[in-house]
């Protein structure tokens, strides 16, 4: 799983990965049907993003579906507003780093470490 500091970087990497996984398709002829993203809050408070494009709507990916059809294709083609994409993201789906490389929707509150992490996230 590769994460990026900006959503734009994550989208660029997802585009490159889609083309690498579909070598018979060139960038101009690519037909994507689904765009998925995932937002992460790291232990140090940094925000990281992961994105992916899928050829078929409804395919399972590592991230959560955000856009499909023409909207997904527009993002693939670079015709998107990052602010609008960020506004589409539902904060309750954000994953928080609990332990190195381990993510959860919320920290467990039944441990001292979990409570400390929750307090840190609440401060942001």
Protein backbone atom coordinates (compact mmCIF):
# COMPACT_ATOMS: atom_id res chain seq x y z
CA UNK A 1 0.00 0.00 0.00
CA UNK A 2 1.52 3.28 -1.13
CA UNK A 3 0.25 6.53 0.34
CA UNK A 4 0.89 10.07 -0.83
CA UNK A 5 1.02 13.43 0.93
CA UNK A 6 -1.38 15.05 -1.53
CA UNK A 7 -4.50 13.81 -3.25
CA UNK A 8 -3.10 14.98 -6.59
CA UNK A 9 0.00 12.80 -6.15
CA UNK A 10 -2.20 9.83 -5.24
CA UNK A 11 -4.31 10.37 -8.38
CA UNK A 12 -1.22 10.62 -10.60
CA UNK A 13 0.16 7.40 -9.12
CA UNK A 14 -3.22 5.66 -9.54
CA UNK A 15 -3.31 6.69 -13.20
CA UNK A 16 0.20 5.31 -13.74
CA UNK A 17 -0.68 2.08 -11.95
CA UNK A 18 -3.86 1.63 -14.00
CA UNK A 19 -1.89 2.03 -17.23
CA UNK A 20 0.85 -0.34 -16.00
CA UNK A 21 -1.78 -2.97 -15.13
CA UNK A 22 -3.41 -2.56 -18.56
CA UNK A 23 -0.44 -2.47 -20.96
CA UNK A 24 -2.62 -2.85 -24.05
CA UNK A 25 -4.34 0.47 -23.28
CA UNK A 26 -2.73 3.84 -23.90
CA UNK A 27 -3.60 6.87 -21.79
CA UNK A 28 -5.80 8.52 -24.45
CA UNK A 29 -7.92 5.38 -24.96
CA UNK A 30 -8.23 4.35 -21.31
CA UNK A 31 -11.79 3.77 -20.15
CA UNK A 32 -12.14 3.82 -16.38
CA UNK A 33 -15.46 3.25 -14.68
CA UNK A 34 -14.61 3.73 -11.02
CA UNK A 35 -12.41 6.05 -8.97
CA UNK A 36 -11.68 5.13 -5.36
CA UNK A 37 -9.78 6.97 -2.63
CA UNK A 38 -8.81 6.50 1.01
CA UNK A 39 -7.72 9.18 3.47
CA UNK A 40 -5.37 8.37 6.34
CA UNK A 41 -4.37 10.31 9.46
CA UNK A 42 -0.93 9.20 10.56
CA UNK A 43 0.23 9.09 14.19
CA UNK A 44 2.22 12.28 13.67
CA UNK A 45 -0.90 14.05 12.36
CA UNK A 46 0.08 14.02 8.68
CA UNK A 47 -2.71 13.43 6.18
CA UNK A 48 -1.97 10.81 3.50
CA UNK A 49 -4.01 9.64 0.50
CA UNK A 50 -4.34 6.52 -1.60
CA UNK A 51 -6.26 6.39 -4.89
CA UNK A 52 -7.11 3.84 -7.56
CA UNK A 53 -8.88 3.60 -10.89
CA UNK A 54 -10.82 0.49 -11.89
CA UNK A 55 -11.94 -0.58 -15.35
CA UNK A 56 -15.30 -1.90 -14.18
CA UNK A 57 -17.75 -0.26 -11.81
CA UNK A 58 -18.33 -2.43 -8.78
CA UNK A 59 -14.88 -4.06 -8.86
CA UNK A 60 -13.35 -4.51 -5.44
CA UNK A 61 -10.41 -2.28 -4.71
CA UNK A 62 -8.34 -1.33 -1.69
CA UNK A 63 -10.00 2.07 -1.35
CA UNK A 64 -13.59 3.28 -1.01
CA UNK A 65 -15.57 4.09 -4.17
CA UNK A 66 -16.02 7.83 -4.70
CA UNK A 67 -16.93 8.38 -8.36
CA UNK A 68 -18.08 6.20 -11.24
CA UNK A 69 -18.70 6.45 -14.96
CA UNK A 70 -18.00 9.79 -16.62
CA UNK A 71 -17.00 11.41 -13.32
CA UNK A 72 -14.30 8.76 -12.76
CA UNK A 73 -13.11 9.19 -16.35
CA UNK A 74 -12.86 12.96 -15.86
CA UNK A 75 -10.59 12.50 -12.86
CA UNK A 76 -8.47 10.04 -14.85
CA UNK A 77 -8.21 12.61 -17.66
CA UNK A 78 -7.02 15.24 -15.17
CA UNK A 79 -10.22 17.26 -15.32
CA UNK A 80 -11.02 17.59 -11.64
CA UNK A 81 -11.04 20.06 -8.79
CA UNK A 82 -9.13 18.68 -5.81
CA UNK A 83 -11.17 20.82 -3.41
CA UNK A 84 -14.42 19.27 -4.70
CA UNK A 85 -12.99 15.76 -4.33
CA UNK A 86 -11.96 16.52 -0.76
CA UNK A 87 -15.47 17.83 -0.04
CA UNK A 88 -16.96 14.58 -1.38
CA UNK A 89 -14.93 12.55 1.11
CA UNK A 90 -16.89 11.46 4.18
CA UNK A 91 -14.74 12.06 7.25
CA UNK A 92 -16.18 9.05 9.09
CA UNK A 93 -14.40 6.85 6.51
CA UNK A 94 -10.98 8.29 7.33
CA UNK A 95 -8.58 5.70 8.72
CA UNK A 96 -6.34 6.62 11.66
CA UNK A 97 -2.96 5.02 12.26
CA UNK A 98 -3.13 3.19 15.54
CA UNK A 99 0.15 1.33 15.41
CA UNK A 100 2.82 1.47 12.74
CA UNK A 101 1.08 0.29 9.58
CA UNK A 102 -2.18 -0.56 11.37
CA UNK A 103 -5.23 1.59 10.71
CA UNK A 104 -8.70 1.82 12.23
CA UNK A 105 -11.67 4.11 11.83
CA UNK A 106 -11.25 5.12 15.48
CA UNK A 107 -8.65 4.31 18.12
CA UNK A 108 -9.58 1.77 20.78
CA UNK A 109 -10.46 3.73 23.89
CA UNK A 110 -9.99 0.87 26.34
CA UNK A 111 -6.22 1.31 26.57
CA UNK A 112 -4.06 4.19 27.75
CA UNK A 113 -2.40 4.38 24.32
CA UNK A 114 -5.75 4.41 22.55
CA UNK A 115 -7.08 7.20 24.74
CA UNK A 116 -3.89 9.23 24.20
CA UNK A 117 -4.19 8.77 20.41
CA UNK A 118 -7.88 9.76 20.49
CA UNK A 119 -7.00 12.88 22.46
CA UNK A 120 -4.32 13.80 19.90
CA UNK A 121 -6.72 13.31 16.98
CA UNK A 122 -9.41 15.34 18.74
CA UNK A 123 -6.96 18.23 19.19
CA UNK A 124 -6.58 18.45 15.39
